[in-house]
């Protein structure tokens, strides 16, 4: 095959570009809803007088309910048109986010986060199943790279805007903003996205529970689930404490905080397409390993900083972003190659559940390790938290190596 025909094969059609765009916007709203609680953390803990354990629970409540929902729905995921599934769960996500936006007490917020997680946590798995159905492996690195740009966009646009309106109208207002945007995205999905139902042609005699159990117990799938879980453990253990650490330990002001998130988001938007292209051209495991080494070096330095200048904090956060996000694309592309087409919905659902449950465990454990005895004093034991993340990162490298070997063996 000539290089010209190869290039044509790897180009995206206009409809494929639309699919990438609408799924990226969907990811933007879901990711912003989940991560916005982290930059709001310092404001939320002080306004509601929450302990670090209570705040960690408010983060993990979403993740645990999302994980539970993913496991329950995974067995049914390959029995419906993926477009209809996406629309159904997106409606539930919008309703849950609305209740977060009108919460006045900690208990109400906790219930609202659980409800939102039941629906929002499944959306990422459905999106990845759609990508795996519509795009060949040779394109998936770039597609997942664009989808991860939703994470970066949420930091460039979503978080600074959220912090601004939260400081003006209260911490609940960012959730109402997400509701309005999500409704618009939902209508685009209704009228523009074509049905994704080719997988329904492969009939299965198994019932939903049997299909779930078979997918869950297949050895090569289990290794993929473990790799995702340990990757999520390392990422979510640090995430909830980002704003509290830079404000109370590194002495960054609340006015400077949006610029750090914005710069980190620009970094993500810049690097994700590059990582996506590299992931399609070079060995995905080697790329993941390099990113993990970068992350380990940066977080070790970051955990041992004292009060420093704004520019040092900014540079360190950019390094964190490069390390964390550069691991996501190659790992997602590799794990998406494990399941057969008839198992993709179930695999992605279970995989997302392990990711969410691991994230919930990580946030809860992080809330136990990190201590803040006074709301105006520095966080204690943050360095211990980071050393745990280093260990988890090393384990995830080993597990992804096994995933890579399985895929090469099957080729």
Protein backbone atom coordinates (compact mmCIF):
# COMPACT_ATOMS: atom_id res chain seq x y z
CA UNK A 1 0.00 0.00 0.00
CA UNK A 2 1.41 3.42 -0.97
CA UNK A 3 2.04 6.13 1.57
CA UNK A 4 -0.59 8.30 -0.15
CA UNK A 5 -3.31 5.67 0.22
CA UNK A 6 -2.23 5.06 3.82
CA UNK A 7 -2.56 8.77 4.59
CA UNK A 8 -6.03 8.82 3.01
CA UNK A 9 -7.05 5.84 5.12
CA UNK A 10 -5.93 7.60 8.31
CA UNK A 11 -7.73 10.87 7.52
CA UNK A 12 -11.00 11.61 9.32
CA UNK A 13 -14.25 12.01 7.39
CA UNK A 14 -16.55 14.97 8.13
CA UNK A 15 -18.89 12.71 10.14
CA UNK A 16 -15.98 11.25 12.10
CA UNK A 17 -14.90 14.80 12.95
CA UNK A 18 -18.43 15.51 14.22
CA UNK A 19 -18.40 12.34 16.36
CA UNK A 20 -15.06 13.35 17.87
CA UNK A 21 -16.35 16.86 18.54
CA UNK A 22 -19.64 15.82 20.17
CA UNK A 23 -17.97 13.14 22.31
CA UNK A 24 -15.29 15.66 23.34
CA UNK A 25 -17.99 18.14 24.38
CA UNK A 26 -19.74 15.36 26.29
CA UNK A 27 -16.47 14.53 28.04
CA UNK A 28 -15.95 18.24 28.74
CA UNK A 29 -19.20 18.52 30.69
CA UNK A 30 -18.82 15.23 32.57
CA UNK A 31 -15.16 15.84 33.43
CA UNK A 32 -15.83 19.44 34.48
CA UNK A 33 -18.65 18.27 36.75
CA UNK A 34 -16.29 15.79 38.42
CA UNK A 35 -13.10 17.83 38.70
CA UNK A 36 -14.62 21.24 39.47
CA UNK A 37 -15.09 20.13 43.07
CA UNK A 38 -11.29 20.02 43.45
CA UNK A 39 -10.58 23.73 42.72
CA UNK A 40 -13.70 24.55 44.73
CA UNK A 41 -12.29 22.41 47.56
CA UNK A 42 -10.73 25.18 49.63
CA UNK A 43 -13.83 27.37 49.25
CA UNK A 44 -16.18 24.46 49.97
CA UNK A 45 -14.30 23.23 53.06
CA UNK A 46 -14.24 26.72 54.54
CA UNK A 47 -17.84 27.68 53.67
CA UNK A 48 -19.30 24.41 55.02
CA UNK A 49 -16.62 23.89 57.69
CA UNK A 50 -15.73 20.45 56.35
CA UNK A 51 -12.85 18.25 57.46
CA UNK A 52 -10.49 16.73 54.88
CA UNK A 53 -12.18 13.36 55.48
CA UNK A 54 -15.64 14.82 54.75
CA UNK A 55 -14.39 16.55 51.62
CA UNK A 56 -12.65 13.38 50.45
CA UNK A 57 -15.96 11.54 50.93
CA UNK A 58 -17.81 14.11 48.81
CA UNK A 59 -15.37 13.36 45.99
CA UNK A 60 -15.36 9.58 46.45
CA UNK A 61 -19.18 9.39 46.72
CA UNK A 62 -19.48 10.25 43.03
CA UNK A 63 -16.78 7.75 42.08
CA UNK A 64 -18.20 4.86 44.13
CA UNK A 65 -21.72 5.33 42.76
CA UNK A 66 -20.32 5.63 39.22
CA UNK A 67 -18.40 2.40 39.69
CA UNK A 68 -21.44 0.60 41.03
CA UNK A 69 -23.60 1.85 38.16
CA UNK A 70 -21.01 0.79 35.60
CA UNK A 71 -20.95 -2.78 36.91
CA UNK A 72 -24.74 -3.03 36.96
CA UNK A 73 -25.14 -1.72 33.40
CA UNK A 74 -22.10 -3.42 31.85
CA UNK A 75 -23.98 -6.66 31.16
CA UNK A 76 -26.65 -4.75 29.21
CA UNK A 77 -24.29 -2.36 27.40
CA UNK A 78 -23.95 -4.51 24.27
CA UNK A 79 -27.72 -5.10 23.92
CA UNK A 80 -28.75 -1.56 23.00
CA UNK A 81 -27.94 1.11 20.47
CA UNK A 82 -25.06 3.02 22.05
CA UNK A 83 -26.62 6.36 21.03
CA UNK A 84 -29.78 5.59 23.03
CA UNK A 85 -27.69 4.55 26.04
CA UNK A 86 -25.69 7.77 25.83
CA UNK A 87 -28.84 9.90 25.72
CA UNK A 88 -30.46 8.08 28.65
CA UNK A 89 -27.48 8.36 30.99
CA UNK A 90 -26.76 11.93 29.92
CA UNK A 91 -30.26 12.97 31.03
CA UNK A 92 -29.66 11.43 34.46
CA UNK A 93 -26.32 13.22 34.66
CA UNK A 94 -27.99 16.56 33.89
CA UNK A 95 -30.64 16.02 36.59
CA UNK A 96 -28.02 15.04 39.19
CA UNK A 97 -25.84 18.05 38.38
CA UNK A 98 -28.87 20.32 38.75
CA UNK A 99 -29.45 19.04 42.28
CA UNK A 100 -25.77 19.67 43.07
CA UNK A 101 -26.37 23.25 41.97
CA UNK A 102 -29.26 23.76 44.41
CA UNK A 103 -27.68 21.98 47.39
CA UNK A 104 -27.61 23.96 50.62
CA UNK A 105 -26.27 21.35 53.05
CA UNK A 106 -23.45 18.80 53.06
CA UNK A 107 -25.87 15.86 53.24
CA UNK A 108 -27.85 17.16 50.24
CA UNK A 109 -24.65 17.65 48.27
CA UNK A 110 -23.53 14.12 49.13
CA UNK A 111 -26.82 12.61 47.89
CA UNK A 112 -26.69 14.72 44.73
CA UNK A 113 -23.11 13.61 43.99
CA UNK A 114 -24.12 9.96 44.42
CA UNK A 115 -27.06 10.41 42.02
CA UNK A 116 -24.88 12.22 39.46
CA UNK A 117 -22.27 9.49 39.66
CA UNK A 118 -24.85 6.78 38.97
CA UNK A 119 -25.40 8.31 35.53
CA UNK A 120 -22.29 10.35 34.75
CA UNK A 121 -19.86 7.54 35.50
CA UNK A 122 -21.22 5.38 32.68
CA UNK A 123 -20.99 8.07 29.99
CA UNK A 124 -17.22 7.76 29.55
CA UNK A 125 -17.49 4.00 28.99
CA UNK A 126 -20.24 4.46 26.40
CA UNK A 127 -18.15 7.09 24.60
CA UNK A 128 -15.11 4.79 24.49
CA UNK A 129 -17.26 1.94 23.17
CA UNK A 130 -18.53 4.25 20.41
CA UNK A 131 -14.93 5.18 19.54
CA UNK A 132 -13.88 1.52 19.47
CA UNK A 133 -16.87 0.70 17.21
CA UNK A 134 -16.41 3.56 14.75
CA UNK A 135 -12.63 4.01 14.57
CA UNK A 136 -9.90 1.43 13.72
CA UNK A 137 -6.97 1.00 16.12
CA UNK A 138 -4.72 3.01 13.75
CA UNK A 139 -6.86 6.10 14.44
CA UNK A 140 -7.77 5.59 18.07
CA UNK A 141 -4.67 7.21 19.56
CA UNK A 142 -5.57 10.50 17.92
CA UNK A 143 -9.27 10.12 18.77
CA UNK A 144 -8.55 9.46 22.45
CA UNK A 145 -6.10 12.36 22.33
CA UNK A 146 -8.89 14.67 21.16
CA UNK A 147 -11.29 13.26 23.76
CA UNK A 148 -8.74 13.98 26.48
CA UNK A 149 -8.71 17.57 25.22
CA UNK A 150 -12.10 17.78 26.92
CA UNK A 151 -10.14 17.52 30.16
CA UNK A 152 -7.84 20.33 29.07
CA UNK A 153 -10.72 22.50 27.87
CA UNK A 154 -12.43 22.08 31.22
CA UNK A 155 -9.31 23.56 32.83
CA UNK A 156 -8.78 26.36 30.28
CA UNK A 157 -12.41 27.47 30.08
CA UNK A 158 -14.46 25.60 32.64
CA UNK A 159 -12.48 25.87 35.86
CA UNK A 160 -11.44 29.57 35.64
CA UNK A 161 -15.02 30.50 34.72
CA UNK A 162 -16.35 28.23 37.48
CA UNK A 163 -14.05 29.80 40.06
CA UNK A 164 -15.08 33.30 38.93
CA UNK A 165 -18.82 32.67 39.18
CA UNK A 166 -18.34 30.66 42.40
CA UNK A 167 -16.60 33.64 44.01
CA UNK A 168 -19.45 35.86 42.75
CA UNK A 169 -22.59 33.75 43.23
CA UNK A 170 -21.49 30.88 45.48
CA UNK A 171 -19.93 27.45 45.03
CA UNK A 172 -23.21 25.96 43.69
CA UNK A 173 -23.32 28.17 40.57
CA UNK A 174 -20.73 26.24 38.46
CA UNK A 175 -22.98 23.18 38.54
CA UNK A 176 -25.91 25.17 37.13
CA UNK A 177 -23.63 26.43 34.35
CA UNK A 178 -22.77 22.80 33.48
CA UNK A 179 -26.49 21.94 33.33
CA UNK A 180 -27.19 24.60 30.70
CA UNK A 181 -24.26 23.51 28.50
CA UNK A 182 -25.13 19.83 28.88
CA UNK A 183 -28.70 20.39 27.68
CA UNK A 184 -27.35 21.96 24.47
CA UNK A 185 -24.97 19.02 23.91
CA UNK A 186 -27.82 16.54 24.52
CA UNK A 187 -29.87 18.06 21.70
CA UNK A 188 -26.92 17.82 19.29
CA UNK A 189 -26.62 14.11 20.12
CA UNK A 190 -30.36 13.61 19.51
CA UNK A 191 -30.43 15.22 16.07
CA UNK A 192 -26.93 14.70 14.64
CA UNK A 193 -25.43 11.46 15.97
CA UNK A 194 -26.33 8.37 13.93
CA UNK A 195 -27.34 5.13 15.66
CA UNK A 196 -24.37 3.01 16.79
CA UNK A 197 -25.82 -0.47 16.57
CA UNK A 198 -23.53 -2.61 14.39
CA UNK A 199 -22.54 -4.66 17.45
CA UNK A 200 -26.18 -5.82 17.74
CA UNK A 201 -25.71 -7.92 14.60
CA UNK A 202 -23.50 -10.26 16.62
CA UNK A 203 -26.19 -12.09 18.56
CA UNK A 204 -25.33 -13.53 21.95
CA UNK A 205 -27.21 -16.40 23.56
CA UNK A 206 -26.02 -15.32 27.01
CA UNK A 207 -28.19 -13.29 29.33
CA UNK A 208 -26.89 -9.98 30.67
CA UNK A 209 -25.56 -11.44 33.94
CA UNK A 210 -23.73 -14.29 32.17
CA UNK A 211 -22.25 -11.86 29.65
CA UNK A 212 -21.08 -9.60 32.48
CA UNK A 213 -19.54 -12.53 34.38
CA UNK A 214 -17.74 -13.90 31.32
CA UNK A 215 -16.29 -10.48 30.49
CA UNK A 216 -15.28 -9.92 34.10
CA UNK A 217 -13.53 -13.27 34.50
CA UNK A 218 -11.66 -13.56 31.20
CA UNK A 219 -7.96 -13.42 32.12
CA UNK A 220 -6.73 -11.02 29.45
CA UNK A 221 -9.59 -8.63 30.29
CA UNK A 222 -8.81 -8.77 34.02
CA UNK A 223 -5.27 -7.58 33.38
CA UNK A 224 -6.68 -4.58 31.51
CA UNK A 225 -9.06 -3.84 34.38
CA UNK A 226 -6.21 -3.96 36.91
CA UNK A 227 -4.02 -1.69 34.79
CA UNK A 228 -6.82 0.88 34.60
CA UNK A 229 -7.55 0.61 38.33
CA UNK A 230 -3.95 1.25 39.41
CA UNK A 231 -3.62 4.10 36.93
CA UNK A 232 -6.75 5.65 38.41
CA UNK A 233 -5.55 5.12 41.98
CA UNK A 234 -2.40 7.12 41.28
CA UNK A 235 -4.22 9.92 39.50
CA UNK A 236 -7.20 10.43 41.84
CA UNK A 237 -5.20 10.29 45.06
CA UNK A 238 -3.66 13.70 44.33
CA UNK A 239 -6.49 15.38 42.41
CA UNK A 240 -8.85 16.48 45.24
CA UNK A 241 -6.12 18.31 47.16
CA UNK A 242 -4.75 20.46 44.33
CA UNK A 243 -6.26 23.81 45.33
CA UNK A 244 -5.86 23.27 49.10
CA UNK A 245 -2.17 22.38 48.68
CA UNK A 246 -1.18 25.34 46.50
CA UNK A 247 -3.13 27.82 48.66
CA UNK A 248 -2.23 26.57 52.15
CA UNK A 249 1.23 25.06 51.58
CA UNK A 250 2.70 26.91 48.60
CA UNK A 251 0.93 30.18 49.55
CA UNK A 252 -0.66 30.91 46.17
CA UNK A 253 -3.58 33.35 46.42
CA UNK A 254 -7.15 32.53 45.40
CA UNK A 255 -6.81 35.17 42.66
CA UNK A 256 -3.78 33.38 41.19
CA UNK A 257 -5.38 29.92 41.34
CA UNK A 258 -7.50 30.23 38.13
CA UNK A 259 -4.36 31.09 36.13
CA UNK A 260 -2.67 27.87 37.26
CA UNK A 261 -5.65 25.79 36.13
CA UNK A 262 -5.90 27.76 32.90
CA UNK A 263 -2.21 27.25 32.08
CA UNK A 264 -2.49 23.55 32.91
CA UNK A 265 -5.47 23.31 30.59
CA UNK A 266 -3.63 25.04 27.74
CA UNK A 267 -0.81 22.56 28.30
CA UNK A 268 -3.28 19.67 28.00
CA UNK A 269 -4.87 21.09 24.85
CA UNK A 270 -1.42 21.47 23.31
CA UNK A 271 0.09 18.14 24.30
CA UNK A 272 -2.87 15.77 23.84
CA UNK A 273 -2.97 15.88 20.00
CA UNK A 274 0.82 15.43 19.96
CA UNK A 275 0.67 12.47 22.31
CA UNK A 276 -2.19 11.03 20.25
CA UNK A 277 -0.11 11.17 17.06
CA UNK A 278 2.95 9.72 18.80
CA UNK A 279 0.76 6.96 20.23
CA UNK A 280 -0.32 5.96 16.70
CA UNK A 281 3.24 5.98 15.36
CA UNK A 282 5.34 4.55 18.18
CA UNK A 283 5.05 1.80 20.77
CA UNK A 284 2.28 2.83 23.15
CA UNK A 285 3.80 1.12 26.17
CA UNK A 286 7.17 2.89 25.74
CA UNK A 287 5.34 6.21 25.51
CA UNK A 288 3.43 5.39 28.70
CA UNK A 289 6.65 4.47 30.51
CA UNK A 290 8.38 7.73 29.55
CA UNK A 291 5.36 9.73 30.77
CA UNK A 292 5.35 7.77 34.06
CA UNK A 293 9.04 8.56 34.67
CA UNK A 294 8.40 12.25 34.03
CA UNK A 295 5.47 12.16 36.46
CA UNK A 296 7.41 10.42 39.24
CA UNK A 297 10.27 12.93 39.06
CA UNK A 298 7.97 15.98 39.05
CA UNK A 299 5.61 14.89 41.85
CA UNK A 300 8.53 13.96 44.11
CA UNK A 301 9.94 17.47 43.76
CA UNK A 302 6.49 19.05 44.03
CA UNK A 303 5.68 17.28 47.31
CA UNK A 304 8.77 18.71 49.00
CA UNK A 305 8.25 22.36 48.09
CA UNK A 306 7.58 25.05 50.64
CA UNK A 307 6.19 28.54 49.98
CA UNK A 308 7.62 29.52 46.57
CA UNK A 309 6.97 32.04 43.83
CA UNK A 310 3.93 31.81 41.58
CA UNK A 311 6.07 30.97 38.53
CA UNK A 312 7.68 27.94 40.17
CA UNK A 313 4.25 26.60 41.16
CA UNK A 314 3.02 27.23 37.61
CA UNK A 315 5.96 25.37 36.01
CA UNK A 316 5.61 22.44 38.41
CA UNK A 317 1.89 22.15 37.67
CA UNK A 318 2.61 22.12 33.94
CA UNK A 319 5.03 19.26 34.57
CA UNK A 320 2.36 17.41 36.54
CA UNK A 321 -0.08 17.89 33.69
CA UNK A 322 2.36 16.54 31.11
CA UNK A 323 3.06 13.47 33.23
CA UNK A 324 -0.54 12.65 34.15
CA UNK A 325 -2.18 13.32 30.79
CA UNK A 326 0.54 11.76 28.62
CA UNK A 327 -0.12 8.45 30.37
CA UNK A 328 -3.83 8.50 29.59
CA UNK A 329 -3.83 8.31 25.78
CA UNK A 330 -1.48 5.33 25.27
CA UNK A 331 -3.08 3.41 28.15
CA UNK A 332 -6.61 4.00 26.81
CA UNK A 333 -5.58 3.03 23.28
CA UNK A 334 -3.92 -0.18 24.50
CA UNK A 335 -6.76 -1.32 26.75
CA UNK A 336 -9.36 -0.56 24.04
CA UNK A 337 -7.63 -3.16 21.83
CA UNK A 338 -8.23 -5.99 24.34
CA UNK A 339 -11.97 -6.75 23.93
CA UNK A 340 -13.71 -8.36 20.98
CA UNK A 341 -16.46 -6.29 19.32
CA UNK A 342 -19.23 -8.31 20.99
CA UNK A 343 -17.71 -7.58 24.42
CA UNK A 344 -16.74 -3.94 23.97
CA UNK A 345 -19.70 -2.36 25.74
CA UNK A 346 -19.39 -4.71 28.72
CA UNK A 347 -15.60 -4.37 28.81
CA UNK A 348 -15.70 -0.56 28.66
CA UNK A 349 -18.42 -0.48 31.32
CA UNK A 350 -16.49 -2.73 33.71
CA UNK A 351 -13.25 -0.91 32.92
CA UNK A 352 -14.88 2.43 33.68
CA UNK A 353 -16.31 0.97 36.90
CA UNK A 354 -12.88 -0.15 38.08
CA UNK A 355 -11.55 3.28 37.19
CA UNK A 356 -14.28 5.05 39.16
CA UNK A 357 -14.17 2.72 42.16
CA UNK A 358 -10.38 2.99 42.31
CA UNK A 359 -10.75 6.77 42.11
CA UNK A 360 -13.22 6.73 44.98
CA UNK A 361 -10.91 4.57 47.09
CA UNK A 362 -8.00 6.88 46.24
CA UNK A 363 -9.91 10.03 47.25
CA UNK A 364 -11.07 8.42 50.51
CA UNK A 365 -7.56 7.18 51.39
CA UNK A 366 -6.13 10.57 50.45
CA UNK A 367 -8.53 12.21 52.90
CA UNK A 368 -7.21 9.92 55.64
CA UNK A 369 -3.53 10.52 54.84
CA UNK A 370 -3.74 14.28 54.38
CA UNK A 371 -4.62 16.22 57.53
CA UNK A 372 -5.53 19.88 58.06
CA UNK A 373 -6.09 20.64 61.74
CA UNK A 374 -6.85 24.28 61.05
CA UNK A 375 -8.50 25.60 57.87
CA UNK A 376 -5.83 28.31 57.59
CA UNK A 377 -2.81 26.04 58.21
CA UNK A 378 -0.86 23.90 55.68
CA UNK A 379 -1.91 20.36 54.75
CA UNK A 380 0.12 17.76 56.62
CA UNK A 381 1.50 14.45 55.24
CA UNK A 382 1.09 15.51 51.59
CA UNK A 383 4.56 14.09 50.87
CA UNK A 384 3.44 10.68 52.22
CA UNK A 385 0.50 10.81 49.83
CA UNK A 386 2.83 11.46 46.89
CA UNK A 387 5.17 8.57 47.76
CA UNK A 388 2.14 6.25 47.67
CA UNK A 389 1.33 7.64 44.21
CA UNK A 390 4.90 6.88 43.06
CA UNK A 391 4.52 3.25 44.13
CA UNK A 392 1.16 2.95 42.36
CA UNK A 393 2.63 4.47 39.20
CA UNK A 394 5.38 1.84 39.11
CA UNK A 395 2.81 -0.95 39.50
CA UNK A 396 0.73 0.50 36.64
CA UNK A 397 3.80 0.40 34.35
CA UNK A 398 4.23 -3.31 35.06
CA UNK A 399 0.53 -4.04 34.45
CA UNK A 400 0.41 -2.10 31.18
CA UNK A 401 3.47 -4.03 30.01
CA UNK A 402 1.40 -7.21 30.38
CA UNK A 403 -1.46 -5.62 28.40
CA UNK A 404 0.96 -4.64 25.63
CA UNK A 405 2.37 -8.17 25.43
CA UNK A 406 -1.12 -9.70 25.19
CA UNK A 407 -2.05 -7.42 22.30
CA UNK A 408 1.18 -8.13 20.42
CA UNK A 409 0.69 -11.84 20.95
CA UNK A 410 -2.83 -11.66 19.48
CA UNK A 411 -1.75 -9.66 16.40
